[in-house]
């Protein structure tokens, strides 16, 4: 796999262009186009956890935390380790895979820990990051992530995001 690099401009800010991100994202998913990130609404662990109301009469144990979803609701950028903390070495969602493939650091994304990203929207993360990024790139990544989060395969999510950004979504 070829190393993912982005041009840096003055002040060490990375320049993210739509064509570069789109092409690099394809490299990430091209062998995983059928992959579907299961929404939390279909996750038995999340359902059990959400139904548990801290009432010992209904449950004789505390259900485990889900390692795939943040707060039993949102898709995680990185799967959780045994302590429930984001593990950069195990990317979960499509954008989390991009973060690791690009070898971004927490400093690049303007956070101190990977856990700070969880539960945050892609646009929010990228607006706070040290990136020079255009609206098409914002839209592409946000659409790709949103489609994935609703149970659409990575390949279809990619095609739908590209079509929308490039005006071919008729």
N, C-alpha and C. Protein backbone atom coordinates (compact mmCIF):
# COMPACT_ATOMS: atom_id res chain seq x y z
N UNK A 1 0.83 -1.16 0.00
CA UNK A 1 0.00 0.00 0.00
C UNK A 1 0.89 1.24 0.00
N UNK A 2 0.55 2.19 -0.85
CA UNK A 2 1.36 3.40 -0.96
C UNK A 2 1.06 4.35 0.19
N UNK A 3 2.09 4.98 0.72
CA UNK A 3 1.92 5.93 1.83
C UNK A 3 1.09 7.12 1.36
N UNK A 4 0.23 7.52 2.20
CA UNK A 4 -0.73 8.58 2.00
C UNK A 4 -0.09 9.88 2.44
N UNK A 5 0.23 10.78 1.55
CA UNK A 5 0.84 12.04 1.97
C UNK A 5 0.07 13.22 1.40
N UNK A 6 0.08 14.29 2.14
CA UNK A 6 -0.58 15.51 1.72
C UNK A 6 0.43 16.63 1.74
N UNK A 7 0.27 17.52 0.78
CA UNK A 7 1.14 18.68 0.69
C UNK A 7 0.91 19.57 1.90
N UNK A 8 1.97 20.18 2.37
CA UNK A 8 1.86 21.12 3.47
C UNK A 8 2.19 22.51 2.95
N UNK A 9 1.45 23.48 3.47
CA UNK A 9 1.75 24.85 3.09
C UNK A 9 2.37 25.56 4.28
N UNK A 10 2.64 26.83 4.11
CA UNK A 10 3.24 27.61 5.18
C UNK A 10 2.47 27.45 6.49
N UNK A 11 3.17 27.30 7.59
CA UNK A 11 2.53 27.09 8.87
C UNK A 11 2.24 25.63 9.14
N UNK A 12 2.74 24.74 8.29
CA UNK A 12 2.61 23.30 8.46
C UNK A 12 1.17 22.79 8.34
N UNK A 13 0.27 23.57 7.73
CA UNK A 13 -1.11 23.15 7.55
C UNK A 13 -1.20 22.26 6.31
N UNK A 14 -1.86 21.10 6.44
CA UNK A 14 -2.00 20.18 5.31
C UNK A 14 -3.10 20.66 4.37
N UNK A 15 -2.86 20.48 3.08
CA UNK A 15 -3.82 20.86 2.06
C UNK A 15 -4.54 19.59 1.61
N UNK A 16 -5.86 19.56 1.81
CA UNK A 16 -6.67 18.41 1.41
C UNK A 16 -7.55 18.84 0.24
N UNK A 17 -7.30 18.26 -0.93
CA UNK A 17 -8.12 18.57 -2.09
C UNK A 17 -9.09 17.42 -2.33
N UNK A 18 -10.21 17.75 -2.94
CA UNK A 18 -11.24 16.75 -3.21
C UNK A 18 -10.69 15.58 -4.02
N UNK A 19 -10.00 15.86 -5.13
CA UNK A 19 -9.50 14.78 -5.99
C UNK A 19 -8.52 13.87 -5.24
N UNK A 20 -7.64 14.45 -4.45
CA UNK A 20 -6.67 13.65 -3.69
C UNK A 20 -7.38 12.78 -2.65
N UNK A 21 -8.28 13.37 -1.88
CA UNK A 21 -9.00 12.61 -0.85
C UNK A 21 -9.87 11.54 -1.50
N UNK A 22 -10.57 11.88 -2.58
CA UNK A 22 -11.43 10.91 -3.27
C UNK A 22 -10.61 9.73 -3.77
N UNK A 23 -9.50 10.01 -4.42
CA UNK A 23 -8.66 8.92 -4.96
C UNK A 23 -8.04 8.09 -3.85
N UNK A 24 -7.60 8.74 -2.79
CA UNK A 24 -7.01 8.00 -1.67
C UNK A 24 -8.06 7.18 -0.93
N UNK A 25 -9.27 7.73 -0.81
CA UNK A 25 -10.34 6.96 -0.17
C UNK A 25 -10.67 5.72 -0.99
N UNK A 26 -10.62 5.83 -2.30
CA UNK A 26 -10.86 4.65 -3.14
C UNK A 26 -9.80 3.59 -2.87
N UNK A 27 -8.55 4.00 -2.72
CA UNK A 27 -7.49 3.04 -2.41
C UNK A 27 -7.78 2.31 -1.09
N UNK A 28 -8.37 3.00 -0.15
CA UNK A 28 -8.68 2.41 1.15
C UNK A 28 -9.81 1.39 1.04
N UNK A 29 -10.85 1.70 0.26
CA UNK A 29 -12.04 0.84 0.25
C UNK A 29 -12.13 -0.13 -0.91
N UNK A 30 -11.26 -0.01 -1.90
CA UNK A 30 -11.45 -0.79 -3.13
C UNK A 30 -11.54 -2.30 -2.92
N UNK A 31 -10.95 -2.82 -1.87
CA UNK A 31 -11.06 -4.25 -1.58
C UNK A 31 -12.09 -4.53 -0.49
N UNK A 32 -12.84 -3.50 -0.11
CA UNK A 32 -13.85 -3.64 0.94
C UNK A 32 -15.17 -3.00 0.52
N UNK A 33 -15.46 -2.97 -0.78
CA UNK A 33 -16.65 -2.26 -1.26
C UNK A 33 -17.95 -2.85 -0.75
N UNK A 34 -17.96 -4.12 -0.40
CA UNK A 34 -19.19 -4.76 0.11
C UNK A 34 -19.33 -4.64 1.63
N UNK A 35 -18.33 -4.08 2.29
CA UNK A 35 -18.37 -3.99 3.75
C UNK A 35 -19.49 -3.06 4.19
N UNK A 36 -20.25 -3.50 5.18
CA UNK A 36 -21.31 -2.68 5.77
C UNK A 36 -21.03 -2.56 7.26
N UNK A 37 -20.90 -1.33 7.71
CA UNK A 37 -20.70 -1.05 9.13
C UNK A 37 -22.08 -1.09 9.77
N UNK A 38 -22.28 -2.06 10.62
CA UNK A 38 -23.60 -2.29 11.22
C UNK A 38 -24.01 -1.09 12.08
N UNK A 39 -25.18 -0.50 11.79
CA UNK A 39 -25.66 0.60 12.62
C UNK A 39 -25.94 0.13 14.06
N UNK A 40 -25.86 1.03 15.02
CA UNK A 40 -26.10 0.67 16.41
C UNK A 40 -27.51 0.15 16.62
N UNK A 41 -28.44 0.56 15.78
CA UNK A 41 -29.83 0.09 15.90
C UNK A 41 -29.96 -1.40 15.58
N UNK A 42 -28.95 -1.98 14.93
CA UNK A 42 -28.94 -3.40 14.61
C UNK A 42 -27.95 -4.19 15.47
N UNK A 43 -27.37 -3.53 16.44
CA UNK A 43 -26.33 -4.14 17.27
C UNK A 43 -26.94 -4.67 18.57
N UNK A 44 -26.88 -5.99 18.77
CA UNK A 44 -27.46 -6.59 19.97
C UNK A 44 -26.83 -6.05 21.25
N UNK A 45 -25.52 -5.82 21.24
CA UNK A 45 -24.85 -5.29 22.44
C UNK A 45 -25.38 -3.89 22.77
N UNK A 46 -25.53 -3.04 21.76
CA UNK A 46 -26.05 -1.68 21.98
C UNK A 46 -27.51 -1.73 22.44
N UNK A 47 -28.29 -2.60 21.82
CA UNK A 47 -29.70 -2.71 22.20
C UNK A 47 -29.83 -3.14 23.66
N UNK A 48 -29.08 -4.17 24.06
CA UNK A 48 -29.12 -4.62 25.45
C UNK A 48 -28.70 -3.50 26.40
N UNK A 49 -27.64 -2.80 26.04
CA UNK A 49 -27.11 -1.72 26.90
C UNK A 49 -28.13 -0.58 27.01
N UNK A 50 -28.76 -0.22 25.89
CA UNK A 50 -29.74 0.86 25.90
C UNK A 50 -31.01 0.49 26.68
N UNK A 51 -31.37 -0.79 26.66
CA UNK A 51 -32.56 -1.24 27.38
C UNK A 51 -32.30 -1.40 28.87
N UNK A 52 -31.05 -1.54 29.23
CA UNK A 52 -30.68 -1.69 30.64
C UNK A 52 -30.82 -0.34 31.33
N UNK A 53 -31.59 -0.28 32.36
CA UNK A 53 -31.85 1.00 33.01
C UNK A 53 -31.29 1.08 34.44
N UNK A 54 -30.22 0.38 34.69
CA UNK A 54 -29.55 0.38 35.98
C UNK A 54 -30.48 -0.12 37.10
N UNK A 55 -31.45 -0.95 36.73
CA UNK A 55 -32.38 -1.54 37.70
C UNK A 55 -32.01 -3.00 37.87
N UNK A 56 -31.53 -3.36 39.03
CA UNK A 56 -31.05 -4.72 39.25
C UNK A 56 -32.17 -5.76 39.17
N UNK A 57 -33.43 -5.34 39.25
CA UNK A 57 -34.53 -6.30 39.14
C UNK A 57 -34.65 -6.84 37.71
N UNK A 58 -34.39 -5.99 36.75
CA UNK A 58 -34.52 -6.40 35.35
C UNK A 58 -33.28 -7.11 34.82
N UNK A 59 -32.15 -6.82 35.38
CA UNK A 59 -30.88 -7.39 34.91
C UNK A 59 -30.07 -7.83 36.12
N UNK A 60 -29.49 -8.97 36.05
CA UNK A 60 -28.65 -9.41 37.17
C UNK A 60 -27.18 -9.08 36.94
N UNK A 61 -26.90 -8.40 35.85
CA UNK A 61 -25.53 -7.98 35.55
C UNK A 61 -25.60 -6.74 34.67
N UNK A 62 -24.52 -6.03 34.62
CA UNK A 62 -24.45 -4.87 33.73
C UNK A 62 -24.01 -5.35 32.37
N UNK A 63 -24.82 -5.07 31.33
CA UNK A 63 -24.43 -5.51 29.98
C UNK A 63 -23.10 -4.86 29.57
N UNK A 64 -22.34 -5.53 28.73
CA UNK A 64 -21.05 -4.97 28.30
C UNK A 64 -21.24 -3.73 27.44
N UNK A 65 -20.21 -2.91 27.39
CA UNK A 65 -20.19 -1.77 26.49
C UNK A 65 -19.85 -2.27 25.09
N UNK A 66 -20.41 -1.64 24.11
CA UNK A 66 -20.12 -2.01 22.72
C UNK A 66 -18.78 -1.41 22.31
N UNK A 67 -17.97 -2.21 21.64
CA UNK A 67 -16.67 -1.72 21.16
C UNK A 67 -16.76 -1.15 19.74
N UNK A 68 -17.93 -1.32 19.11
CA UNK A 68 -18.11 -0.85 17.74
C UNK A 68 -18.80 0.50 17.64
N UNK A 69 -19.57 0.87 18.68
CA UNK A 69 -20.36 2.09 18.63
C UNK A 69 -20.06 2.95 19.85
N UNK A 70 -20.06 4.25 19.63
CA UNK A 70 -19.79 5.21 20.70
C UNK A 70 -21.09 5.51 21.43
N UNK A 71 -21.08 5.30 22.72
CA UNK A 71 -22.23 5.61 23.56
C UNK A 71 -23.50 4.88 23.09
N UNK A 72 -23.31 3.67 22.55
CA UNK A 72 -24.39 2.83 22.03
C UNK A 72 -25.23 3.55 20.99
N UNK A 73 -24.66 4.52 20.30
CA UNK A 73 -25.43 5.31 19.36
C UNK A 73 -24.69 5.55 18.05
N UNK A 74 -23.53 6.13 18.11
CA UNK A 74 -22.81 6.55 16.90
C UNK A 74 -21.74 5.53 16.51
N UNK A 75 -21.48 5.46 15.22
CA UNK A 75 -20.37 4.63 14.75
C UNK A 75 -19.08 5.23 15.28
N UNK A 76 -18.15 4.38 15.62
CA UNK A 76 -16.85 4.82 16.15
C UNK A 76 -15.87 5.02 15.00
N UNK A 77 -14.94 5.95 15.17
CA UNK A 77 -13.85 6.09 14.21
C UNK A 77 -12.84 4.97 14.40
N UNK A 78 -12.67 4.55 15.67
CA UNK A 78 -11.75 3.47 16.02
C UNK A 78 -12.46 2.53 16.98
N UNK A 79 -12.29 1.23 16.78
CA UNK A 79 -12.88 0.28 17.73
C UNK A 79 -12.30 0.54 19.11
N UNK A 80 -13.09 0.27 20.12
CA UNK A 80 -12.64 0.46 21.50
C UNK A 80 -11.80 -0.72 21.96
N UNK A 81 -10.82 -0.44 22.78
CA UNK A 81 -10.02 -1.51 23.38
C UNK A 81 -10.78 -2.08 24.58
N UNK A 82 -10.13 -2.94 25.33
CA UNK A 82 -10.80 -3.58 26.48
C UNK A 82 -11.18 -2.59 27.58
N UNK A 83 -10.64 -1.38 27.52
CA UNK A 83 -10.97 -0.36 28.51
C UNK A 83 -12.03 0.62 28.00
N UNK A 84 -12.50 0.41 26.77
CA UNK A 84 -13.50 1.29 26.18
C UNK A 84 -12.93 2.53 25.54
N UNK A 85 -11.61 2.56 25.36
CA UNK A 85 -10.93 3.72 24.78
C UNK A 85 -10.61 3.47 23.31
N UNK A 86 -10.68 4.50 22.51
CA UNK A 86 -10.41 4.37 21.07
C UNK A 86 -9.01 3.84 20.81
N UNK A 87 -8.93 2.83 19.96
CA UNK A 87 -7.66 2.21 19.60
C UNK A 87 -7.31 2.56 18.16
N UNK A 88 -6.37 3.48 17.99
CA UNK A 88 -5.96 3.97 16.67
C UNK A 88 -5.55 2.84 15.73
N UNK A 89 -5.06 1.74 16.28
CA UNK A 89 -4.59 0.62 15.45
C UNK A 89 -5.72 -0.26 14.92
N UNK A 90 -6.95 0.03 15.33
CA UNK A 90 -8.10 -0.73 14.84
C UNK A 90 -9.18 0.24 14.36
N UNK A 91 -8.98 0.83 13.18
CA UNK A 91 -9.98 1.77 12.67
C UNK A 91 -11.31 1.05 12.42
N UNK A 92 -12.39 1.75 12.66
CA UNK A 92 -13.71 1.15 12.52
C UNK A 92 -14.43 1.66 11.26
N UNK A 93 -14.84 2.90 11.27
CA UNK A 93 -15.62 3.43 10.15
C UNK A 93 -14.72 3.81 8.98
N UNK A 94 -15.35 4.19 7.91
CA UNK A 94 -14.60 4.52 6.69
C UNK A 94 -13.68 5.72 6.91
N UNK A 95 -14.14 6.73 7.64
CA UNK A 95 -13.29 7.91 7.88
C UNK A 95 -12.19 7.56 8.88
N UNK A 96 -12.46 6.72 9.86
CA UNK A 96 -11.42 6.25 10.78
C UNK A 96 -10.32 5.52 10.03
N UNK A 97 -10.71 4.73 9.02
CA UNK A 97 -9.71 4.06 8.18
C UNK A 97 -8.87 5.09 7.43
N UNK A 98 -9.49 6.16 6.99
CA UNK A 98 -8.75 7.22 6.30
C UNK A 98 -7.78 7.90 7.26
N UNK A 99 -8.22 8.18 8.49
CA UNK A 99 -7.33 8.81 9.47
C UNK A 99 -6.06 7.97 9.67
N UNK A 100 -6.22 6.65 9.81
CA UNK A 100 -5.05 5.81 10.06
C UNK A 100 -4.22 5.62 8.80
N UNK A 101 -4.89 5.48 7.67
CA UNK A 101 -4.17 5.30 6.41
C UNK A 101 -3.32 6.53 6.10
N UNK A 102 -3.87 7.69 6.42
CA UNK A 102 -3.15 8.95 6.19
C UNK A 102 -2.08 9.20 7.25
N UNK A 103 -2.10 8.37 8.28
CA UNK A 103 -1.16 8.50 9.40
C UNK A 103 -1.26 9.87 10.07
N UNK A 104 -2.51 10.37 10.16
CA UNK A 104 -2.72 11.61 10.90
C UNK A 104 -2.41 11.37 12.37
N UNK A 105 -1.95 12.39 13.02
CA UNK A 105 -1.68 12.34 14.45
C UNK A 105 -2.81 13.07 15.17
N UNK A 106 -2.93 12.87 16.48
CA UNK A 106 -3.92 13.67 17.20
C UNK A 106 -3.68 15.17 17.00
N UNK A 107 -2.41 15.56 16.94
CA UNK A 107 -2.10 16.98 16.75
C UNK A 107 -2.60 17.48 15.39
N UNK A 108 -2.51 16.65 14.35
CA UNK A 108 -3.04 17.05 13.03
C UNK A 108 -4.53 17.37 13.12
N UNK A 109 -5.23 16.59 13.96
CA UNK A 109 -6.69 16.75 14.09
C UNK A 109 -7.06 17.66 15.27
N UNK A 110 -6.04 18.26 15.86
CA UNK A 110 -6.20 19.24 16.93
C UNK A 110 -6.91 18.67 18.16
N UNK A 111 -6.52 17.44 18.53
CA UNK A 111 -7.01 16.80 19.76
C UNK A 111 -5.81 16.23 20.50
N UNK A 112 -6.01 15.88 21.76
CA UNK A 112 -4.91 15.28 22.52
C UNK A 112 -5.01 13.76 22.56
N UNK A 113 -6.23 13.22 22.41
CA UNK A 113 -6.42 11.76 22.39
C UNK A 113 -7.39 11.41 21.26
N UNK A 114 -7.30 10.18 20.79
CA UNK A 114 -8.22 9.72 19.74
C UNK A 114 -9.65 9.67 20.24
N UNK A 115 -9.82 9.42 21.52
CA UNK A 115 -11.16 9.33 22.11
C UNK A 115 -11.94 10.63 21.93
N UNK A 116 -11.25 11.75 21.86
CA UNK A 116 -11.92 13.05 21.69
C UNK A 116 -12.68 13.15 20.37
N UNK A 117 -12.34 12.32 19.39
CA UNK A 117 -13.02 12.35 18.09
C UNK A 117 -14.37 11.66 18.14
N UNK A 118 -14.49 10.66 19.01
CA UNK A 118 -15.71 9.85 19.04
C UNK A 118 -16.93 10.70 19.37
N UNK A 119 -18.00 10.45 18.64
CA UNK A 119 -19.24 11.19 18.84
C UNK A 119 -19.28 12.52 18.11
N UNK A 120 -18.17 12.91 17.48
CA UNK A 120 -18.10 14.17 16.74
C UNK A 120 -18.34 13.91 15.25
N UNK A 121 -19.03 14.80 14.61
CA UNK A 121 -19.25 14.69 13.17
C UNK A 121 -17.95 14.95 12.41
N UNK A 122 -17.88 14.41 11.21
CA UNK A 122 -16.69 14.58 10.36
C UNK A 122 -16.39 16.06 10.13
N UNK A 123 -17.41 16.83 9.79
CA UNK A 123 -17.21 18.26 9.53
C UNK A 123 -16.63 18.95 10.76
N UNK A 124 -17.16 18.67 11.92
CA UNK A 124 -16.67 19.28 13.16
C UNK A 124 -15.20 18.96 13.37
N UNK A 125 -14.84 17.71 13.19
CA UNK A 125 -13.44 17.29 13.36
C UNK A 125 -12.54 18.03 12.39
N UNK A 126 -12.93 18.05 11.12
CA UNK A 126 -12.08 18.63 10.09
C UNK A 126 -12.00 20.16 10.20
N UNK A 127 -13.06 20.79 10.67
CA UNK A 127 -13.02 22.25 10.85
C UNK A 127 -12.04 22.65 11.95
N UNK A 128 -11.86 21.79 12.93
CA UNK A 128 -10.91 22.08 14.02
C UNK A 128 -9.49 21.63 13.70
N UNK A 129 -9.35 20.80 12.68
CA UNK A 129 -8.04 20.23 12.34
C UNK A 129 -7.14 21.27 11.67
N UNK A 130 -5.88 20.89 11.56
CA UNK A 130 -4.90 21.76 10.91
C UNK A 130 -4.84 21.44 9.42
N UNK A 131 -5.99 21.65 8.74
CA UNK A 131 -6.10 21.35 7.32
C UNK A 131 -6.64 22.56 6.57
N UNK A 132 -6.15 22.71 5.36
CA UNK A 132 -6.75 23.64 4.40
C UNK A 132 -7.63 22.74 3.53
N UNK A 133 -8.94 22.87 3.67
CA UNK A 133 -9.85 21.92 3.04
C UNK A 133 -10.98 22.68 2.35
N UNK A 134 -11.34 22.22 1.15
CA UNK A 134 -12.40 22.90 0.40
C UNK A 134 -13.76 22.26 0.67
N UNK A 135 -14.80 22.95 0.24
CA UNK A 135 -16.18 22.50 0.52
C UNK A 135 -16.49 21.15 -0.12
N UNK A 136 -15.97 20.88 -1.31
CA UNK A 136 -16.23 19.58 -1.94
C UNK A 136 -15.65 18.43 -1.10
N UNK A 137 -14.50 18.65 -0.51
CA UNK A 137 -13.88 17.61 0.32
C UNK A 137 -14.70 17.41 1.60
N UNK A 138 -15.11 18.51 2.22
CA UNK A 138 -16.00 18.42 3.39
C UNK A 138 -17.24 17.60 3.03
N UNK A 139 -17.88 17.97 1.93
CA UNK A 139 -19.12 17.31 1.54
C UNK A 139 -18.91 15.84 1.24
N UNK A 140 -17.85 15.53 0.50
CA UNK A 140 -17.56 14.14 0.15
C UNK A 140 -17.39 13.28 1.40
N UNK A 141 -16.54 13.71 2.31
CA UNK A 141 -16.29 12.92 3.52
C UNK A 141 -17.54 12.82 4.40
N UNK A 142 -18.28 13.91 4.52
CA UNK A 142 -19.49 13.89 5.32
C UNK A 142 -20.55 12.97 4.72
N UNK A 143 -20.74 13.04 3.40
CA UNK A 143 -21.71 12.17 2.73
C UNK A 143 -21.30 10.70 2.83
N UNK A 144 -20.03 10.43 2.60
CA UNK A 144 -19.52 9.06 2.68
C UNK A 144 -19.78 8.49 4.08
N UNK A 145 -19.46 9.26 5.10
CA UNK A 145 -19.66 8.82 6.47
C UNK A 145 -21.15 8.65 6.79
N UNK A 146 -21.97 9.60 6.37
CA UNK A 146 -23.41 9.54 6.64
C UNK A 146 -24.04 8.32 5.98
N UNK A 147 -23.69 8.06 4.73
CA UNK A 147 -24.23 6.88 4.04
C UNK A 147 -23.79 5.60 4.76
N UNK A 148 -22.52 5.53 5.14
CA UNK A 148 -22.02 4.36 5.86
C UNK A 148 -22.79 4.17 7.17
N UNK A 149 -23.04 5.25 7.87
CA UNK A 149 -23.70 5.17 9.17
C UNK A 149 -25.15 4.68 9.08
N UNK A 150 -25.72 4.73 7.89
CA UNK A 150 -27.10 4.26 7.72
C UNK A 150 -27.16 2.84 7.16
N UNK A 151 -26.01 2.15 7.11
CA UNK A 151 -25.99 0.76 6.70
C UNK A 151 -25.76 0.52 5.22
N UNK A 152 -25.27 1.51 4.53
CA UNK A 152 -24.95 1.37 3.10
C UNK A 152 -23.51 0.88 2.97
N UNK A 153 -23.27 -0.04 2.04
CA UNK A 153 -21.92 -0.58 1.86
C UNK A 153 -20.95 0.54 1.51
N UNK A 154 -19.68 0.30 1.83
CA UNK A 154 -18.67 1.32 1.54
C UNK A 154 -18.60 1.65 0.06
N UNK A 155 -18.73 0.66 -0.80
CA UNK A 155 -18.68 0.92 -2.24
C UNK A 155 -19.83 1.79 -2.70
N UNK A 156 -21.04 1.47 -2.26
CA UNK A 156 -22.20 2.27 -2.64
C UNK A 156 -22.14 3.66 -2.00
N UNK A 157 -21.70 3.73 -0.77
CA UNK A 157 -21.57 5.02 -0.09
C UNK A 157 -20.59 5.92 -0.85
N UNK A 158 -19.48 5.32 -1.30
CA UNK A 158 -18.48 6.06 -2.06
C UNK A 158 -19.08 6.59 -3.37
N UNK A 159 -19.74 5.70 -4.12
CA UNK A 159 -20.35 6.10 -5.40
C UNK A 159 -21.40 7.19 -5.21
N UNK A 160 -22.22 7.07 -4.17
CA UNK A 160 -23.25 8.07 -3.91
C UNK A 160 -22.64 9.42 -3.53
N UNK A 161 -21.60 9.40 -2.72
CA UNK A 161 -20.94 10.64 -2.31
C UNK A 161 -20.29 11.33 -3.50
N UNK A 162 -19.59 10.55 -4.34
CA UNK A 162 -18.95 11.11 -5.53
C UNK A 162 -20.01 11.71 -6.46
N UNK A 163 -21.09 10.98 -6.69
CA UNK A 163 -22.15 11.45 -7.60
C UNK A 163 -22.75 12.77 -7.08
N UNK A 164 -22.99 12.86 -5.80
CA UNK A 164 -23.57 14.08 -5.23
C UNK A 164 -22.62 15.26 -5.35
N UNK A 165 -21.37 15.06 -4.99
CA UNK A 165 -20.40 16.16 -5.04
C UNK A 165 -20.16 16.61 -6.48
N UNK A 166 -20.13 15.65 -7.39
CA UNK A 166 -19.83 15.99 -8.79
C UNK A 166 -21.09 16.31 -9.60
N UNK A 167 -22.24 16.33 -8.94
CA UNK A 167 -23.49 16.72 -9.61
C UNK A 167 -24.06 15.67 -10.54
N UNK A 168 -23.73 14.40 -10.30
CA UNK A 168 -24.22 13.31 -11.16
C UNK A 168 -25.18 12.39 -10.41
N UNK A 169 -25.89 12.92 -9.45
CA UNK A 169 -26.72 12.07 -8.60
C UNK A 169 -28.18 12.01 -9.03
N UNK A 170 -28.42 12.20 -10.31
CA UNK A 170 -29.80 12.19 -10.82
C UNK A 170 -30.38 10.81 -10.84
